[in-house]
Amino acid sequence: AAVNAIGDIYNGAGNIIAGLRSEDGE
């Protein structure tokens, strides 16, 4: 899978692991 989503990626536990960052980027 080439993952190029406009949204975020969640792991098997339903926790966000990659996606839209905060304004400070941290």
PDB file of all heavy atoms in Angstrom:
ATOM      1  N   ALA A   1       0.833  -1.203   0.000  1.00  0.00           N
ATOM      2  CA  ALA A   1       0.000   0.000   0.000  1.00  0.00           C
ATOM      3  C   ALA A   1       0.867   1.252   0.000  1.00  0.00           C
ATOM      4  O   ALA A   1       1.732   1.412   0.874  1.00  0.00           O
ATOM      5  CB  ALA A   1      -0.929   0.012   1.214  1.00  0.00           C
ATOM      6  N   ALA A   2       0.634   2.122  -0.965  1.00  0.00           N
ATOM      7  CA  ALA A   2       1.274   3.440  -0.991  1.00  0.00           C
ATOM      8  C   ALA A   2       0.311   4.414  -0.324  1.00  0.00           C
ATOM      9  O   ALA A   2      -0.746   4.731  -0.868  1.00  0.00           O
ATOM     10  CB  ALA A   2       1.570   3.866  -2.420  1.00  0.00           C
ATOM     11  N   VAL A   3       0.674   4.857   0.879  1.00  0.00           N
ATOM     12  CA  VAL A   3      -0.256   5.590   1.749  1.00  0.00           C
ATOM     13  C   VAL A   3      -0.084   7.087   1.540  1.00  0.00           C
ATOM     14  O   VAL A   3       0.892   7.685   1.984  1.00  0.00           O
ATOM     15  CB  VAL A   3      -0.019   5.201   3.224  1.00  0.00           C
ATOM     16  CG1 VAL A   3      -1.012   5.913   4.126  1.00  0.00           C
ATOM     17  CG2 VAL A   3      -0.129   3.686   3.391  1.00  0.00           C
ATOM     18  N   ASN A   4      -1.053   7.700   0.889  1.00  0.00           N
ATOM     19  CA  ASN A   4      -0.968   9.113   0.519  1.00  0.00           C
ATOM     20  C   ASN A   4      -2.299   9.806   0.792  1.00  0.00           C
ATOM     21  O   ASN A   4      -2.883  10.438  -0.076  1.00  0.00           O
ATOM     22  CB  ASN A   4      -0.607   9.232  -0.965  1.00  0.00           C
ATOM     23  CG  ASN A   4      -0.241  10.647  -1.369  1.00  0.00           C
ATOM     24  OD1 ASN A   4       0.674  11.249  -0.813  1.00  0.00           O
ATOM     25  ND2 ASN A   4      -0.955  11.191  -2.339  1.00  0.00           N
ATOM     26  N   ALA A   5      -2.799   9.648   2.015  1.00  0.00           N
ATOM     27  CA  ALA A   5      -4.142  10.123   2.358  1.00  0.00           C
ATOM     28  C   ALA A   5      -4.151  11.589   2.741  1.00  0.00           C
ATOM     29  O   ALA A   5      -3.179  12.115   3.286  1.00  0.00           O
ATOM     30  CB  ALA A   5      -4.700   9.303   3.513  1.00  0.00           C
ATOM     31  N   ILE A   6      -5.273  12.249   2.487  1.00  0.00           N
ATOM     32  CA  ILE A   6      -5.450  13.608   2.992  1.00  0.00           C
ATOM     33  C   ILE A   6      -5.708  13.581   4.493  1.00  0.00           C
ATOM     34  O   ILE A   6      -5.452  14.539   5.204  1.00  0.00           O
ATOM     35  CB  ILE A   6      -6.605  14.330   2.266  1.00  0.00           C
ATOM     36  CG1 ILE A   6      -6.553  15.831   2.540  1.00  0.00           C
ATOM     37  CG2 ILE A   6      -7.955  13.750   2.645  1.00  0.00           C
ATOM     38  CD1 ILE A   6      -7.534  16.642   1.718  1.00  0.00           C
ATOM     39  N   GLY A   7      -6.192  12.440   4.999  1.00  0.00           N
ATOM     40  CA  GLY A   7      -6.499  12.295   6.415  1.00  0.00           C
ATOM     41  C   GLY A   7      -5.332  11.752   7.222  1.00  0.00           C
ATOM     42  O   GLY A   7      -4.168  11.851   6.826  1.00  0.00           O
ATOM     43  N   ASP A   8      -5.650  11.159   8.370  1.00  0.00           N
ATOM     44  CA  ASP A   8      -4.660  10.679   9.328  1.00  0.00           C
ATOM     45  C   ASP A   8      -4.627   9.156   9.344  1.00  0.00           C
ATOM     46  O   ASP A   8      -5.561   8.486   8.916  1.00  0.00           O
ATOM     47  CB  ASP A   8      -5.004  11.177  10.733  1.00  0.00           C
ATOM     48  CG  ASP A   8      -5.241  12.680  10.768  1.00  0.00           C
ATOM     49  OD1 ASP A   8      -4.544  13.403  10.023  1.00  0.00           O
ATOM     50  OD2 ASP A   8      -6.123  13.125  11.519  1.00  0.00           O
ATOM     51  N   ILE A   9      -3.547   8.600   9.895  1.00  0.00           N
ATOM     52  CA  ILE A   9      -3.381   7.161   9.997  1.00  0.00           C
ATOM     53  C   ILE A   9      -3.507   6.741  11.459  1.00  0.00           C
ATOM     54  O   ILE A   9      -2.903   7.344  12.347  1.00  0.00           O
ATOM     55  CB  ILE A   9      -2.011   6.706   9.445  1.00  0.00           C
ATOM     56  CG1 ILE A   9      -1.808   7.268   8.035  1.00  0.00           C
ATOM     57  CG2 ILE A   9      -1.924   5.188   9.443  1.00  0.00           C
ATOM     58  CD1 ILE A   9      -2.870   6.891   7.036  1.00  0.00           C
ATOM     59  N   TYR A  10      -4.311   5.692  11.688  1.00  0.00           N
ATOM     60  CA  TYR A  10      -4.562   5.178  13.031  1.00  0.00           C
ATOM     61  C   TYR A  10      -4.034   3.747  13.130  1.00  0.00           C
ATOM     62  O   TYR A  10      -4.129   2.968  12.171  1.00  0.00           O
ATOM     63  CB  TYR A  10      -6.055   5.189  13.344  1.00  0.00           C
ATOM     64  CG  TYR A  10      -6.620   6.572  13.563  1.00  0.00           C
ATOM     65  CD1 TYR A  10      -6.769   7.451  12.503  1.00  0.00           C
ATOM     66  CD2 TYR A  10      -6.991   7.000  14.837  1.00  0.00           C
ATOM     67  CE1 TYR A  10      -7.274   8.735  12.699  1.00  0.00           C
ATOM     68  CE2 TYR A  10      -7.506   8.276  15.041  1.00  0.00           C
ATOM     69  CZ  TYR A  10      -7.640   9.147  13.972  1.00  0.00           C
ATOM     70  OH  TYR A  10      -8.134  10.402  14.173  1.00  0.00           O
ATOM     71  N   ASN A  11      -3.493   3.395  14.299  1.00  0.00           N
ATOM     72  CA  ASN A  11      -2.986   2.040  14.482  1.00  0.00           C
ATOM     73  C   ASN A  11      -4.121   1.089  14.841  1.00  0.00           C
ATOM     74  O   ASN A  11      -5.295   1.483  14.905  1.00  0.00           O
ATOM     75  CB  ASN A  11      -1.859   2.004  15.523  1.00  0.00           C
ATOM     76  CG  ASN A  11      -2.339   2.424  16.915  1.00  0.00           C
ATOM     77  OD1 ASN A  11      -3.528   2.496  17.194  1.00  0.00           O
ATOM     78  ND2 ASN A  11      -1.386   2.698  17.792  1.00  0.00           N
ATOM     79  N   GLY A  12      -3.783  -0.176  15.101  1.00  0.00           N
ATOM     80  CA  GLY A  12      -4.803  -1.172  15.387  1.00  0.00           C
ATOM     81  C   GLY A  12      -5.585  -0.905  16.650  1.00  0.00           C
ATOM     82  O   GLY A  12      -6.701  -1.408  16.814  1.00  0.00           O
ATOM     83  N   ALA A  13      -5.041  -0.107  17.566  1.00  0.00           N
ATOM     84  CA  ALA A  13      -5.744   0.245  18.799  1.00  0.00           C
ATOM     85  C   ALA A  13      -6.602   1.489  18.641  1.00  0.00           C
ATOM     86  O   ALA A  13      -7.221   1.945  19.608  1.00  0.00           O
ATOM     87  CB  ALA A  13      -4.730   0.455  19.925  1.00  0.00           C
ATOM     88  N   GLY A  14      -6.638   2.047  17.438  1.00  0.00           N
ATOM     89  CA  GLY A  14      -7.456   3.229  17.198  1.00  0.00           C
ATOM     90  C   GLY A  14      -6.795   4.528  17.606  1.00  0.00           C
ATOM     91  O   GLY A  14      -7.479   5.554  17.746  1.00  0.00           O
ATOM     92  N   ASN A  15      -5.487   4.528  17.777  1.00  0.00           N
ATOM     93  CA  ASN A  15      -4.759   5.740  18.152  1.00  0.00           C
ATOM     94  C   ASN A  15      -4.079   6.352  16.933  1.00  0.00           C
ATOM     95  O   ASN A  15      -3.472   5.638  16.125  1.00  0.00           O
ATOM     96  CB  ASN A  15      -3.700   5.422  19.219  1.00  0.00           C
ATOM     97  CG  ASN A  15      -4.319   4.902  20.498  1.00  0.00           C
ATOM     98  OD1 ASN A  15      -5.346   5.401  20.955  1.00  0.00           O
ATOM     99  ND2 ASN A  15      -3.700   3.881  21.085  1.00  0.00           N
ATOM    100  N   ILE A  16      -4.139   7.656  16.821  1.00  0.00           N
ATOM    101  CA  ILE A  16      -3.545   8.341  15.680  1.00  0.00           C
ATOM    102  C   ILE A  16      -2.019   8.269  15.768  1.00  0.00           C
ATOM    103  O   ILE A  16      -1.428   8.508  16.821  1.00  0.00           O
ATOM    104  CB  ILE A  16      -4.036   9.808  15.629  1.00  0.00           C
ATOM    105  CG1 ILE A  16      -3.563  10.487  14.356  1.00  0.00           C
ATOM    106  CG2 ILE A  16      -3.625  10.574  16.858  1.00  0.00           C
ATOM    107  CD1 ILE A  16      -4.200  11.854  14.143  1.00  0.00           C
ATOM    108  N   ILE A  17      -1.383   7.894  14.662  1.00  0.00           N
ATOM    109  CA  ILE A  17       0.074   7.763  14.657  1.00  0.00           C
ATOM    110  C   ILE A  17       0.733   8.674  13.623  1.00  0.00           C
ATOM    111  O   ILE A  17       1.942   8.904  13.680  1.00  0.00           O
ATOM    112  CB  ILE A  17       0.498   6.308  14.401  1.00  0.00           C
ATOM    113  CG1 ILE A  17      -0.094   5.780  13.091  1.00  0.00           C
ATOM    114  CG2 ILE A  17       0.115   5.423  15.570  1.00  0.00           C
ATOM    115  CD1 ILE A  17       0.379   4.390  12.723  1.00  0.00           C
ATOM    116  N   ALA A  18      -0.044   9.192  12.689  1.00  0.00           N
ATOM    117  CA  ALA A  18       0.505  10.121  11.701  1.00  0.00           C
ATOM    118  C   ALA A  18      -0.650  10.915  11.111  1.00  0.00           C
ATOM    119  O   ALA A  18      -1.742  10.389  10.924  1.00  0.00           O
ATOM    120  CB  ALA A  18       1.249   9.385  10.596  1.00  0.00           C
ATOM    121  N   GLY A  19      -0.383  12.187  10.827  1.00  0.00           N
ATOM    122  CA  GLY A  19      -1.448  13.006  10.251  1.00  0.00           C
ATOM    123  C   GLY A  19      -1.208  14.487  10.406  1.00  0.00           C
ATOM    124  O   GLY A  19      -0.056  14.946  10.476  1.00  0.00           O
ATOM    125  N   LEU A  20      -2.287  15.226  10.477  1.00  0.00           N
ATOM    126  CA  LEU A  20      -2.226  16.682  10.575  1.00  0.00           C
ATOM    127  C   LEU A  20      -1.549  17.108  11.867  1.00  0.00           C
ATOM    128  O   LEU A  20      -1.980  16.744  12.960  1.00  0.00           O
ATOM    129  CB  LEU A  20      -3.646  17.254  10.512  1.00  0.00           C
ATOM    130  CG  LEU A  20      -3.778  18.765  10.668  1.00  0.00           C
ATOM    131  CD1 LEU A  20      -3.102  19.494   9.520  1.00  0.00           C
ATOM    132  CD2 LEU A  20      -5.248  19.152  10.762  1.00  0.00           C
ATOM    133  N   ARG A  21      -0.492  17.916  11.734  1.00  0.00           N
ATOM    134  CA  ARG A  21       0.244  18.377  12.912  1.00  0.00           C
ATOM    135  C   ARG A  21      -0.338  19.660  13.478  1.00  0.00           C
ATOM    136  O   ARG A  21      -1.076  20.383  12.811  1.00  0.00           O
ATOM    137  CB  ARG A  21       1.712  18.596  12.551  1.00  0.00           C
ATOM    138  CG  ARG A  21       2.488  17.316  12.277  1.00  0.00           C
ATOM    139  CD  ARG A  21       3.935  17.634  11.936  1.00  0.00           C
ATOM    140  NE  ARG A  21       4.054  18.310  10.653  1.00  0.00           N
ATOM    141  CZ  ARG A  21       4.983  19.197  10.355  1.00  0.00           C
ATOM    142  NH1 ARG A  21       5.874  19.557  11.273  1.00  0.00           N
ATOM    143  NH2 ARG A  21       5.040  19.729   9.161  1.00  0.00           N
ATOM    144  N   SER A  22       0.012  19.928  14.724  1.00  0.00           N
ATOM    145  CA  SER A  22      -0.381  21.175  15.369  1.00  0.00           C
ATOM    146  C   SER A  22       0.304  22.347  14.672  1.00  0.00           C
ATOM    147  O   SER A  22       1.220  22.171  13.865  1.00  0.00           O
ATOM    148  CB  SER A  22       0.006  21.151  16.854  1.00  0.00           C
ATOM    149  OG  SER A  22       1.400  20.904  16.990  1.00  0.00           O
ATOM    150  N   GLU A  23      -0.128  23.566  14.999  1.00  0.00           N
ATOM    151  CA  GLU A  23       0.419  24.749  14.333  1.00  0.00           C
ATOM    152  C   GLU A  23       1.914  24.901  14.559  1.00  0.00           C
ATOM    153  O   GLU A  23       2.634  25.390  13.682  1.00  0.00           O
ATOM    154  CB  GLU A  23      -0.330  26.002  14.799  1.00  0.00           C
ATOM    155  CG  GLU A  23      -1.771  26.054  14.319  1.00  0.00           C
ATOM    156  CD  GLU A  23      -2.442  27.369  14.669  1.00  0.00           C
ATOM    157  OE1 GLU A  23      -1.732  28.281  15.166  1.00  0.00           O
ATOM    158  OE2 GLU A  23      -3.651  27.492  14.458  1.00  0.00           O
ATOM    159  N   ASP A  24       2.395  24.481  15.727  1.00  0.00           N
ATOM    160  CA  ASP A  24       3.836  24.583  15.972  1.00  0.00           C
ATOM    161  C   ASP A  24       4.602  23.392  15.387  1.00  0.00           C
ATOM    162  O   ASP A  24       5.835  23.360  15.423  1.00  0.00           O
ATOM    163  CB  ASP A  24       4.127  24.709  17.469  1.00  0.00           C
ATOM    164  CG  ASP A  24       3.652  23.512  18.284  1.00  0.00           C
ATOM    165  OD1 ASP A  24       3.273  22.483  17.676  1.00  0.00           O
ATOM    166  OD2 ASP A  24       3.643  23.599  19.524  1.00  0.00           O
ATOM    167  N   GLY A  25       3.868  22.408  14.860  1.00  0.00           N
ATOM    168  CA  GLY A  25       4.490  21.274  14.208  1.00  0.00           C
ATOM    169  C   GLY A  25       5.077  20.234  15.129  1.00  0.00           C
ATOM    170  O   GLY A  25       5.656  19.254  14.667  1.00  0.00           O
ATOM    171  N   GLU A  26       4.914  20.403  16.445  1.00  0.00           N
ATOM    172  CA  GLU A  26       5.575  19.518  17.392  1.00  0.00           C
ATOM    173  C   GLU A  26       4.765  18.257  17.708  1.00  0.00           C
ATOM    174  O   GLU A  26       5.329  17.244  18.106  1.00  0.00           O
ATOM    175  CB  GLU A  26       5.856  20.271  18.702  1.00  0.00           C
ATOM    176  CG  GLU A  26       6.822  21.442  18.534  1.00  0.00           C
ATOM    177  CD  GLU A  26       8.186  20.984  18.035  1.00  0.00           C
ATOM    178  OE1 GLU A  26       8.657  19.933  18.498  1.00  0.00           O
ATOM    179  OE2 GLU A  26       8.774  21.679  17.183  1.00  0.00           O
TER     180      GLU A  26
END
